[in-house]
Amino acid sequence: MILDVCVTLPTSNSRVALVMSRKQLHKKYWVHNPESKWASCDYSYAQHGNICKHQVKVLQLLHPKLAKGTITCYYGALKGTIHGGFQNVLNLTK
């Protein structure tokens, strides 16, 4: 589980969020364009076209009305970046 305090959301001048590991403080993951349809993360799992836990955490913090857990994870896995990006996670009617 990624704690809220481990995430630095993008500022108005930046389009990159930072997610720090809580177990290994030297590990940092960058989520690029988290508000865009094609958000990406430098985590190896995400580099293969999947939505990773870092992307989901940033998405949850940027859109707190999304249900935590099963809905976000389900739609993230079902309609990941390879199948249409974060826009499908935000548009749950698809």
PDB file of N, CA and C in Angstrom:
ATOM      1  N   MET A   1       0.831  -1.179   0.000  1.00  0.00           N
ATOM      2  CA  MET A   1       0.000   0.000   0.000  1.00  0.00           C
ATOM      3  C   MET A   1       0.878   1.245   0.000  1.00  0.00           C
ATOM      4  N   ILE A   2       0.530   2.184  -0.842  1.00  0.00           N
ATOM      5  CA  ILE A   2       1.270   3.437  -0.923  1.00  0.00           C
ATOM      6  C   ILE A   2       0.547   4.475  -0.070  1.00  0.00           C
ATOM      7  N   LEU A   3       1.271   5.050   0.865  1.00  0.00           N
ATOM      8  CA  LEU A   3       0.698   6.074   1.739  1.00  0.00           C
ATOM      9  C   LEU A   3       0.587   7.401   1.004  1.00  0.00           C
ATOM     10  N   ASP A   4      -0.402   8.202   1.376  1.00  0.00           N
ATOM     11  CA  ASP A   4      -0.584   9.518   0.749  1.00  0.00           C
ATOM     12  C   ASP A   4       0.660  10.384   0.897  1.00  0.00           C
ATOM     13  N   VAL A   5       1.333  10.288   2.035  1.00  0.00           N
ATOM     14  CA  VAL A   5       2.509  11.135   2.281  1.00  0.00           C
ATOM     15  C   VAL A   5       3.697  10.772   1.396  1.00  0.00           C
ATOM     16  N   CYS A   6       3.632   9.637   0.744  1.00  0.00           N
ATOM     17  CA  CYS A   6       4.711   9.215  -0.161  1.00  0.00           C
ATOM     18  C   CYS A   6       4.542   9.786  -1.564  1.00  0.00           C
ATOM     19  N   VAL A   7       3.471  10.545  -1.781  1.00  0.00           N
ATOM     20  CA  VAL A   7       3.170  11.067  -3.116  1.00  0.00           C
ATOM     21  C   VAL A   7       3.254  12.589  -3.118  1.00  0.00           C
ATOM     22  N   THR A   8       3.957  13.112  -4.101  1.00  0.00           N
ATOM     23  CA  THR A   8       3.985  14.547  -4.351  1.00  0.00           C
ATOM     24  C   THR A   8       3.270  14.774  -5.670  1.00  0.00           C
ATOM     25  N   LEU A   9       2.114  15.425  -5.590  1.00  0.00           N
ATOM     26  CA  LEU A   9       1.318  15.667  -6.788  1.00  0.00           C
ATOM     27  C   LEU A   9       1.933  16.779  -7.620  1.00  0.00           C
ATOM     28  N   PRO A  10       1.636  16.798  -8.911  1.00  0.00           N
ATOM     29  CA  PRO A  10       2.207  17.841  -9.769  1.00  0.00           C
ATOM     30  C   PRO A  10       1.682  19.220  -9.387  1.00  0.00           C
ATOM     31  N   THR A  11       2.532  20.215  -9.567  1.00  0.00           N
ATOM     32  CA  THR A  11       2.127  21.601  -9.345  1.00  0.00           C
ATOM     33  C   THR A  11       1.582  22.153 -10.650  1.00  0.00           C
ATOM     34  N   SER A  12       1.163  23.384 -10.634  1.00  0.00           N
ATOM     35  CA  SER A  12       0.634  23.991 -11.861  1.00  0.00           C
ATOM     36  C   SER A  12       1.715  24.130 -12.931  1.00  0.00           C
ATOM     37  N   ASN A  13       2.984  24.167 -12.535  1.00  0.00           N
ATOM     38  CA  ASN A  13       4.094  24.297 -13.487  1.00  0.00           C
ATOM     39  C   ASN A  13       4.634  22.957 -13.949  1.00  0.00           C
ATOM     40  N   SER A  14       4.195  21.870 -13.339  1.00  0.00           N
ATOM     41  CA  SER A  14       4.765  20.556 -13.631  1.00  0.00           C
ATOM     42  C   SER A  14       3.674  19.580 -14.023  1.00  0.00           C
ATOM     43  N   ARG A  15       4.022  18.613 -14.853  1.00  0.00           N
ATOM     44  CA  ARG A  15       3.071  17.566 -15.222  1.00  0.00           C
ATOM     45  C   ARG A  15       3.618  16.208 -14.804  1.00  0.00           C
ATOM     46  N   VAL A  16       4.331  16.204 -13.669  1.00  0.00           N
ATOM     47  CA  VAL A  16       4.940  14.972 -13.179  1.00  0.00           C
ATOM     48  C   VAL A  16       4.652  14.839 -11.684  1.00  0.00           C
ATOM     49  N   ALA A  17       4.200  13.655 -11.283  1.00  0.00           N
ATOM     50  CA  ALA A  17       4.003  13.343  -9.865  1.00  0.00           C
ATOM     51  C   ALA A  17       5.150  12.434  -9.420  1.00  0.00           C
ATOM     52  N   LEU A  18       5.533  12.548  -8.170  1.00  0.00           N
ATOM     53  CA  LEU A  18       6.608  11.740  -7.608  1.00  0.00           C
ATOM     54  C   LEU A  18       6.021  10.807  -6.557  1.00  0.00           C
ATOM     55  N   VAL A  19       6.354   9.529  -6.661  1.00  0.00           N
ATOM     56  CA  VAL A  19       5.921   8.535  -5.677  1.00  0.00           C
ATOM     57  C   VAL A  19       7.169   7.894  -5.108  1.00  0.00           C
ATOM     58  N   MET A  20       7.326   8.002  -3.788  1.00  0.00           N
ATOM     59  CA  MET A  20       8.501   7.448  -3.118  1.00  0.00           C
ATOM     60  C   MET A  20       8.150   6.140  -2.425  1.00  0.00           C
ATOM     61  N   SER A  21       9.065   5.209  -2.460  1.00  0.00           N
ATOM     62  CA  SER A  21       8.871   3.934  -1.778  1.00  0.00           C
ATOM     63  C   SER A  21       8.937   4.174  -0.277  1.00  0.00           C
ATOM     64  N   ARG A  22       8.043   3.541   0.463  1.00  0.00           N
ATOM     65  CA  ARG A  22       8.084   3.720   1.922  1.00  0.00           C
ATOM     66  C   ARG A  22       9.042   2.739   2.576  1.00  0.00           C
ATOM     67  N   LYS A  23       9.396   1.674   1.873  1.00  0.00           N
ATOM     68  CA  LYS A  23      10.313   0.686   2.426  1.00  0.00           C
ATOM     69  C   LYS A  23      11.756   0.969   2.039  1.00  0.00           C
ATOM     70  N   GLN A  24      11.955   1.392   0.809  1.00  0.00           N
ATOM     71  CA  GLN A  24      13.301   1.691   0.313  1.00  0.00           C
ATOM     72  C   GLN A  24      13.308   3.150  -0.132  1.00  0.00           C
ATOM     73  N   LEU A  25      13.697   4.031   0.774  1.00  0.00           N
ATOM     74  CA  LEU A  25      13.563   5.466   0.556  1.00  0.00           C
ATOM     75  C   LEU A  25      14.337   5.985  -0.644  1.00  0.00           C
ATOM     76  N   HIS A  26      15.326   5.249  -1.100  1.00  0.00           N
ATOM     77  CA  HIS A  26      16.092   5.701  -2.262  1.00  0.00           C
ATOM     78  C   HIS A  26      15.353   5.463  -3.574  1.00  0.00           C
ATOM     79  N   LYS A  27      14.269   4.678  -3.560  1.00  0.00           N
ATOM     80  CA  LYS A  27      13.517   4.393  -4.778  1.00  0.00           C
ATOM     81  C   LYS A  27      12.427   5.441  -4.979  1.00  0.00           C
ATOM     82  N   LYS A  28      12.415   5.999  -6.182  1.00  0.00           N
ATOM     83  CA  LYS A  28      11.414   7.005  -6.543  1.00  0.00           C
ATOM     84  C   LYS A  28      10.850   6.640  -7.905  1.00  0.00           C
ATOM     85  N   TYR A  29       9.581   6.893  -8.079  1.00  0.00           N
ATOM     86  CA  TYR A  29       8.920   6.611  -9.341  1.00  0.00           C
ATOM     87  C   TYR A  29       8.229   7.880  -9.819  1.00  0.00           C
ATOM     88  N   TRP A  30       8.371   8.169 -11.095  1.00  0.00           N
ATOM     89  CA  TRP A  30       7.809   9.370 -11.682  1.00  0.00           C
ATOM     90  C   TRP A  30       6.603   8.997 -12.531  1.00  0.00           C
ATOM     91  N   VAL A  31       5.480   9.624 -12.236  1.00  0.00           N
ATOM     92  CA  VAL A  31       4.270   9.440 -13.036  1.00  0.00           C
ATOM     93  C   VAL A  31       4.123  10.694 -13.893  1.00  0.00           C
ATOM     94  N   HIS A  32       4.319  10.525 -15.181  1.00  0.00           N
ATOM     95  CA  HIS A  32       4.281  11.643 -16.125  1.00  0.00           C
ATOM     96  C   HIS A  32       2.870  11.854 -16.653  1.00  0.00           C
ATOM     97  N   ASN A  33       2.477  13.106 -16.773  1.00  0.00           N
ATOM     98  CA  ASN A  33       1.155  13.480 -17.306  1.00  0.00           C
ATOM     99  C   ASN A  33       0.012  12.747 -16.611  1.00  0.00           C
ATOM    100  N   PRO A  34      -0.054  12.796 -15.282  1.00  0.00           N
ATOM    101  CA  PRO A  34      -1.086  12.017 -14.582  1.00  0.00           C
ATOM    102  C   PRO A  34      -2.512  12.447 -14.892  1.00  0.00           C
ATOM    103  N   GLU A  35      -2.709  13.654 -15.363  1.00  0.00           N
ATOM    104  CA  GLU A  35      -4.056  14.122 -15.697  1.00  0.00           C
ATOM    105  C   GLU A  35      -4.423  13.835 -17.145  1.00  0.00           C
ATOM    106  N   SER A  36      -3.477  13.335 -17.915  1.00  0.00           N
ATOM    107  CA  SER A  36      -3.752  13.117 -19.330  1.00  0.00           C
ATOM    108  C   SER A  36      -4.322  11.728 -19.574  1.00  0.00           C
ATOM    109  N   LYS A  37      -4.761  11.523 -20.789  1.00  0.00           N
ATOM    110  CA  LYS A  37      -5.312  10.236 -21.192  1.00  0.00           C
ATOM    111  C   LYS A  37      -4.236   9.155 -21.216  1.00  0.00           C
ATOM    112  N   TRP A  38      -2.978   9.556 -21.418  1.00  0.00           N
ATOM    113  CA  TRP A  38      -1.885   8.593 -21.562  1.00  0.00           C
ATOM    114  C   TRP A  38      -0.834   8.769 -20.480  1.00  0.00           C
ATOM    115  N   ALA A  39      -1.236   8.773 -19.238  1.00  0.00           N
ATOM    116  CA  ALA A  39      -0.282   8.872 -18.133  1.00  0.00           C
ATOM    117  C   ALA A  39       0.682   7.691 -18.184  1.00  0.00           C
ATOM    118  N   SER A  40       1.906   7.921 -17.760  1.00  0.00           N
ATOM    119  CA  SER A  40       2.898   6.843 -17.764  1.00  0.00           C
ATOM    120  C   SER A  40       3.741   6.926 -16.507  1.00  0.00           C
ATOM    121  N   CYS A  41       4.354   5.812 -16.160  1.00  0.00           N
ATOM    122  CA  CYS A  41       5.216   5.725 -14.988  1.00  0.00           C
ATOM    123  C   CYS A  41       6.511   5.047 -15.404  1.00  0.00           C
ATOM    124  N   ASP A  42       7.603   5.399 -14.731  1.00  0.00           N
ATOM    125  CA  ASP A  42       8.882   4.780 -15.086  1.00  0.00           C
ATOM    126  C   ASP A  42       9.114   3.437 -14.380  1.00  0.00           C
ATOM    127  N   TYR A  43       8.128   2.940 -13.659  1.00  0.00           N
ATOM    128  CA  TYR A  43       8.197   1.625 -13.036  1.00  0.00           C
ATOM    129  C   TYR A  43       8.168   0.559 -14.144  1.00  0.00           C
ATOM    130  N   SER A  44       8.962  -0.484 -14.012  1.00  0.00           N
ATOM    131  CA  SER A  44       9.114  -1.471 -15.088  1.00  0.00           C
ATOM    132  C   SER A  44       7.789  -2.111 -15.507  1.00  0.00           C
ATOM    133  N   TYR A  45       6.896  -2.373 -14.568  1.00  0.00           N
ATOM    134  CA  TYR A  45       5.596  -2.971 -14.886  1.00  0.00           C
ATOM    135  C   TYR A  45       4.794  -2.056 -15.814  1.00  0.00           C
ATOM    136  N   ALA A  46       4.854  -0.758 -15.544  1.00  0.00           N
ATOM    137  CA  ALA A  46       4.123   0.210 -16.353  1.00  0.00           C
ATOM    138  C   ALA A  46       4.749   0.387 -17.728  1.00  0.00           C
ATOM    139  N   GLN A  47       6.042   0.151 -17.831  1.00  0.00           N
ATOM    140  CA  GLN A  47       6.733   0.306 -19.105  1.00  0.00           C
ATOM    141  C   GLN A  47       6.306  -0.744 -20.125  1.00  0.00           C
ATOM    142  N   HIS A  48       5.594  -1.767 -19.679  1.00  0.00           N
ATOM    143  CA  HIS A  48       5.096  -2.815 -20.573  1.00  0.00           C
ATOM    144  C   HIS A  48       3.637  -2.589 -20.950  1.00  0.00           C
ATOM    145  N   GLY A  49       3.135  -1.364 -20.760  1.00  0.00           N
ATOM    146  CA  GLY A  49       1.768  -1.033 -21.160  1.00  0.00           C
ATOM    147  C   GLY A  49       0.713  -1.253 -20.102  1.00  0.00           C
ATOM    148  N   ASN A  50       1.125  -1.508 -18.866  1.00  0.00           N
ATOM    149  CA  ASN A  50       0.179  -1.752 -17.779  1.00  0.00           C
ATOM    150  C   ASN A  50       0.024  -0.501 -16.923  1.00  0.00           C
ATOM    151  N   ILE A  51      -1.070  -0.421 -16.202  1.00  0.00           N
ATOM    152  CA  ILE A  51      -1.236   0.630 -15.202  1.00  0.00           C
ATOM    153  C   ILE A  51      -0.697   0.076 -13.885  1.00  0.00           C
ATOM    154  N   CYS A  52       0.270   0.761 -13.319  1.00  0.00           N
ATOM    155  CA  CYS A  52       0.902   0.279 -12.085  1.00  0.00           C
ATOM    156  C   CYS A  52       0.265   0.922 -10.853  1.00  0.00           C
ATOM    157  N   LYS A  53       0.682   0.451  -9.699  1.00  0.00           N
ATOM    158  CA  LYS A  53       0.135   0.946  -8.437  1.00  0.00           C
ATOM    159  C   LYS A  53       0.462   2.417  -8.209  1.00  0.00           C
ATOM    160  N   HIS A  54       1.563   2.899  -8.765  1.00  0.00           N
ATOM    161  CA  HIS A  54       1.928   4.302  -8.611  1.00  0.00           C
ATOM    162  C   HIS A  54       0.960   5.194  -9.381  1.00  0.00           C
ATOM    163  N   GLN A  55       0.603   4.776 -10.595  1.00  0.00           N
ATOM    164  CA  GLN A  55      -0.359   5.520 -11.394  1.00  0.00           C
ATOM    165  C   GLN A  55      -1.734   5.532 -10.721  1.00  0.00           C
ATOM    166  N   VAL A  56      -2.135   4.390 -10.192  1.00  0.00           N
ATOM    167  CA  VAL A  56      -3.437   4.294  -9.529  1.00  0.00           C
ATOM    168  C   VAL A  56      -3.477   5.182  -8.293  1.00  0.00           C
ATOM    169  N   LYS A  57      -2.410   5.209  -7.511  1.00  0.00           N
ATOM    170  CA  LYS A  57      -2.367   6.035  -6.300  1.00  0.00           C
ATOM    171  C   LYS A  57      -2.469   7.516  -6.647  1.00  0.00           C
ATOM    172  N   VAL A  58      -1.715   7.946  -7.650  1.00  0.00           N
ATOM    173  CA  VAL A  58      -1.784   9.346  -8.074  1.00  0.00           C
ATOM    174  C   VAL A  58      -3.189   9.659  -8.573  1.00  0.00           C
ATOM    175  N   LEU A  59      -3.781   8.759  -9.340  1.00  0.00           N
ATOM    176  CA  LEU A  59      -5.138   8.941  -9.833  1.00  0.00           C
ATOM    177  C   LEU A  59      -6.129   9.077  -8.683  1.00  0.00           C
ATOM    178  N   GLN A  60      -5.986   8.238  -7.658  1.00  0.00           N
ATOM    179  CA  GLN A  60      -6.883   8.301  -6.496  1.00  0.00           C
ATOM    180  C   GLN A  60      -6.751   9.634  -5.770  1.00  0.00           C
ATOM    181  N   LEU A  61      -5.533  10.153  -5.674  1.00  0.00           N
ATOM    182  CA  LEU A  61      -5.337  11.426  -4.981  1.00  0.00           C
ATOM    183  C   LEU A  61      -5.845  12.606  -5.811  1.00  0.00           C
ATOM    184  N   LEU A  62      -5.703  12.511  -7.109  1.00  0.00           N
ATOM    185  CA  LEU A  62      -6.186  13.586  -7.971  1.00  0.00           C
ATOM    186  C   LEU A  62      -7.699  13.569  -8.115  1.00  0.00           C
ATOM    187  N   HIS A  63      -8.301  12.401  -7.970  1.00  0.00           N
ATOM    188  CA  HIS A  63      -9.754  12.230  -8.115  1.00  0.00           C
ATOM    189  C   HIS A  63     -10.291  11.454  -6.913  1.00  0.00           C
ATOM    190  N   PRO A  64     -10.407  12.117  -5.771  1.00  0.00           N
ATOM    191  CA  PRO A  64     -10.793  11.411  -4.537  1.00  0.00           C
ATOM    192  C   PRO A  64     -12.183  10.789  -4.568  1.00  0.00           C
ATOM    193  N   LYS A  65     -13.030  11.176  -5.506  1.00  0.00           N
ATOM    194  CA  LYS A  65     -14.370  10.586  -5.576  1.00  0.00           C
ATOM    195  C   LYS A  65     -14.364   9.186  -6.175  1.00  0.00           C
ATOM    196  N   LEU A  66     -13.262   8.808  -6.812  1.00  0.00           N
ATOM    197  CA  LEU A  66     -13.157   7.428  -7.296  1.00  0.00           C
ATOM    198  C   LEU A  66     -13.136   6.496  -6.095  1.00  0.00           C
ATOM    199  N   ALA A  67     -13.845   5.409  -6.183  1.00  0.00           N
ATOM    200  CA  ALA A  67     -13.850   4.443  -5.085  1.00  0.00           C
ATOM    201  C   ALA A  67     -12.469   3.805  -4.970  1.00  0.00           C
ATOM    202  N   LYS A  68     -11.946   3.747  -3.769  1.00  0.00           N
ATOM    203  CA  LYS A  68     -10.654   3.114  -3.559  1.00  0.00           C
ATOM    204  C   LYS A  68     -10.786   1.609  -3.690  1.00  0.00           C
ATOM    205  N   GLY A  69      -9.719   0.988  -4.088  1.00  0.00           N
ATOM    206  CA  GLY A  69      -9.684  -0.467  -4.108  1.00  0.00           C
ATOM    207  C   GLY A  69     -10.226  -1.090  -5.362  1.00  0.00           C
ATOM    208  N   THR A  70     -11.291  -1.862  -5.213  1.00  0.00           N
ATOM    209  CA  THR A  70     -11.707  -2.750  -6.292  1.00  0.00           C
ATOM    210  C   THR A  70     -12.095  -2.040  -7.581  1.00  0.00           C
ATOM    211  N   ILE A  71     -12.824  -0.935  -7.515  1.00  0.00           N
ATOM    212  CA  ILE A  71     -13.255  -0.284  -8.756  1.00  0.00           C
ATOM    213  C   ILE A  71     -12.053   0.253  -9.514  1.00  0.00           C
ATOM    214  N   THR A  72     -11.203   0.999  -8.837  1.00  0.00           N
ATOM    215  CA  THR A  72     -10.029   1.559  -9.499  1.00  0.00           C
ATOM    216  C   THR A  72      -9.110   0.457  -9.988  1.00  0.00           C
ATOM    217  N   CYS A  73      -8.843  -0.533  -9.157  1.00  0.00           N
ATOM    218  CA  CYS A  73      -7.956  -1.630  -9.569  1.00  0.00           C
ATOM    219  C   CYS A  73      -8.579  -2.429 -10.708  1.00  0.00           C
ATOM    220  N   TYR A  74      -9.875  -2.691 -10.627  1.00  0.00           N
ATOM    221  CA  TYR A  74     -10.542  -3.476 -11.664  1.00  0.00           C
ATOM    222  C   TYR A  74     -10.482  -2.747 -13.010  1.00  0.00           C
ATOM    223  N   TYR A  75     -10.889  -1.501 -13.031  1.00  0.00           N
ATOM    224  CA  TYR A  75     -10.868  -0.763 -14.287  1.00  0.00           C
ATOM    225  C   TYR A  75      -9.447  -0.477 -14.739  1.00  0.00           C
ATOM    226  N   GLY A  76      -8.537  -0.315 -13.803  1.00  0.00           N
ATOM    227  CA  GLY A  76      -7.139  -0.116 -14.173  1.00  0.00           C
ATOM    228  C   GLY A  76      -6.569  -1.334 -14.863  1.00  0.00           C
ATOM    229  N   ALA A  77      -6.894  -2.524 -14.361  1.00  0.00           N
ATOM    230  CA  ALA A  77      -6.395  -3.755 -14.965  1.00  0.00           C
ATOM    231  C   ALA A  77      -7.135  -4.060 -16.265  1.00  0.00           C
ATOM    232  N   LEU A  78      -8.432  -3.839 -16.267  1.00  0.00           N
ATOM    233  CA  LEU A  78      -9.245  -4.172 -17.428  1.00  0.00           C
ATOM    234  C   LEU A  78      -8.994  -3.237 -18.606  1.00  0.00           C
ATOM    235  N   LYS A  79      -8.871  -1.967 -18.299  1.00  0.00           N
ATOM    236  CA  LYS A  79      -8.739  -0.973 -19.359  1.00  0.00           C
ATOM    237  C   LYS A  79      -7.491  -0.147 -19.127  1.00  0.00           C
ATOM    238  N   GLY A  80      -6.364  -0.798 -19.041  1.00  0.00           N
ATOM    239  CA  GLY A  80      -5.090  -0.127 -18.803  1.00  0.00           C
ATOM    240  C   GLY A  80      -4.633   0.705 -19.985  1.00  0.00           C
ATOM    241  N   THR A  81      -3.473   1.272 -19.892  1.00  0.00           N
ATOM    242  CA  THR A  81      -2.992   2.197 -20.910  1.00  0.00           C
ATOM    243  C   THR A  81      -2.940   1.560 -22.287  1.00  0.00           C
ATOM    244  N   ILE A  82      -2.687   0.286 -22.362  1.00  0.00           N
ATOM    245  CA  ILE A  82      -2.619  -0.378 -23.663  1.00  0.00           C
ATOM    246  C   ILE A  82      -3.993  -0.449 -24.327  1.00  0.00           C
ATOM    247  N   HIS A  83      -5.061  -0.303 -23.541  1.00  0.00           N
ATOM    248  CA  HIS A  83      -6.418  -0.404 -24.058  1.00  0.00           C
ATOM    249  C   HIS A  83      -7.175   0.918 -24.008  1.00  0.00           C
ATOM    250  N   GLY A  84      -6.487   2.023 -23.840  1.00  0.00           N
ATOM    251  CA  GLY A  84      -7.211   3.292 -23.896  1.00  0.00           C
ATOM    252  C   GLY A  84      -6.837   4.303 -22.843  1.00  0.00           C
ATOM    253  N   GLY A  85      -5.961   3.997 -21.943  1.00  0.00           N
ATOM    254  CA  GLY A  85      -5.465   4.989 -21.005  1.00  0.00           C
ATOM    255  C   GLY A  85      -6.349   5.249 -19.810  1.00  0.00           C
ATOM    256  N   PHE A  86      -5.918   6.218 -19.011  1.00  0.00           N
ATOM    257  CA  PHE A  86      -6.616   6.573 -17.781  1.00  0.00           C
ATOM    258  C   PHE A  86      -8.011   7.110 -18.033  1.00  0.00           C
ATOM    259  N   GLN A  87      -8.261   7.633 -19.225  1.00  0.00           N
ATOM    260  CA  GLN A  87      -9.579   8.175 -19.513  1.00  0.00           C
ATOM    261  C   GLN A  87     -10.642   7.120 -19.285  1.00  0.00           C
ATOM    262  N   ASN A  88     -10.339   5.857 -19.565  1.00  0.00           N
ATOM    263  CA  ASN A  88     -11.287   4.774 -19.339  1.00  0.00           C
ATOM    264  C   ASN A  88     -11.499   4.507 -17.853  1.00  0.00           C
ATOM    265  N   VAL A  89     -10.495   4.785 -17.036  1.00  0.00           N
ATOM    266  CA  VAL A  89     -10.660   4.615 -15.599  1.00  0.00           C
ATOM    267  C   VAL A  89     -11.603   5.677 -15.068  1.00  0.00           C
ATOM    268  N   LEU A  90     -11.468   6.896 -15.589  1.00  0.00           N
ATOM    269  CA  LEU A  90     -12.297   7.997 -15.115  1.00  0.00           C
ATOM    270  C   LEU A  90     -13.727   7.906 -15.659  1.00  0.00           C
ATOM    271  N   ASN A  91     -13.890   7.316 -16.832  1.00  0.00           N
ATOM    272  CA  ASN A  91     -15.208   7.184 -17.437  1.00  0.00           C
ATOM    273  C   ASN A  91     -15.708   5.762 -17.189  1.00  0.00           C
ATOM    274  N   LEU A  92     -16.324   5.540 -16.057  1.00  0.00           N
ATOM    275  CA  LEU A  92     -16.726   4.206 -15.642  1.00  0.00           C
ATOM    276  C   LEU A  92     -17.948   3.690 -16.384  1.00  0.00           C
ATOM    277  N   THR A  93     -18.534   4.488 -17.270  1.00  0.00           N
ATOM    278  CA  THR A  93     -19.714   4.039 -17.990  1.00  0.00           C
ATOM    279  C   THR A  93     -19.361   3.169 -19.185  1.00  0.00           C
ATOM    280  N   LYS A  94     -18.087   3.087 -19.556  1.00  0.00           N
ATOM    281  CA  LYS A  94     -17.675   2.244 -20.695  1.00  0.00           C
ATOM    282  C   LYS A  94     -17.693   0.794 -20.340  1.00  0.00           C
TER     283      LYS A  94
END
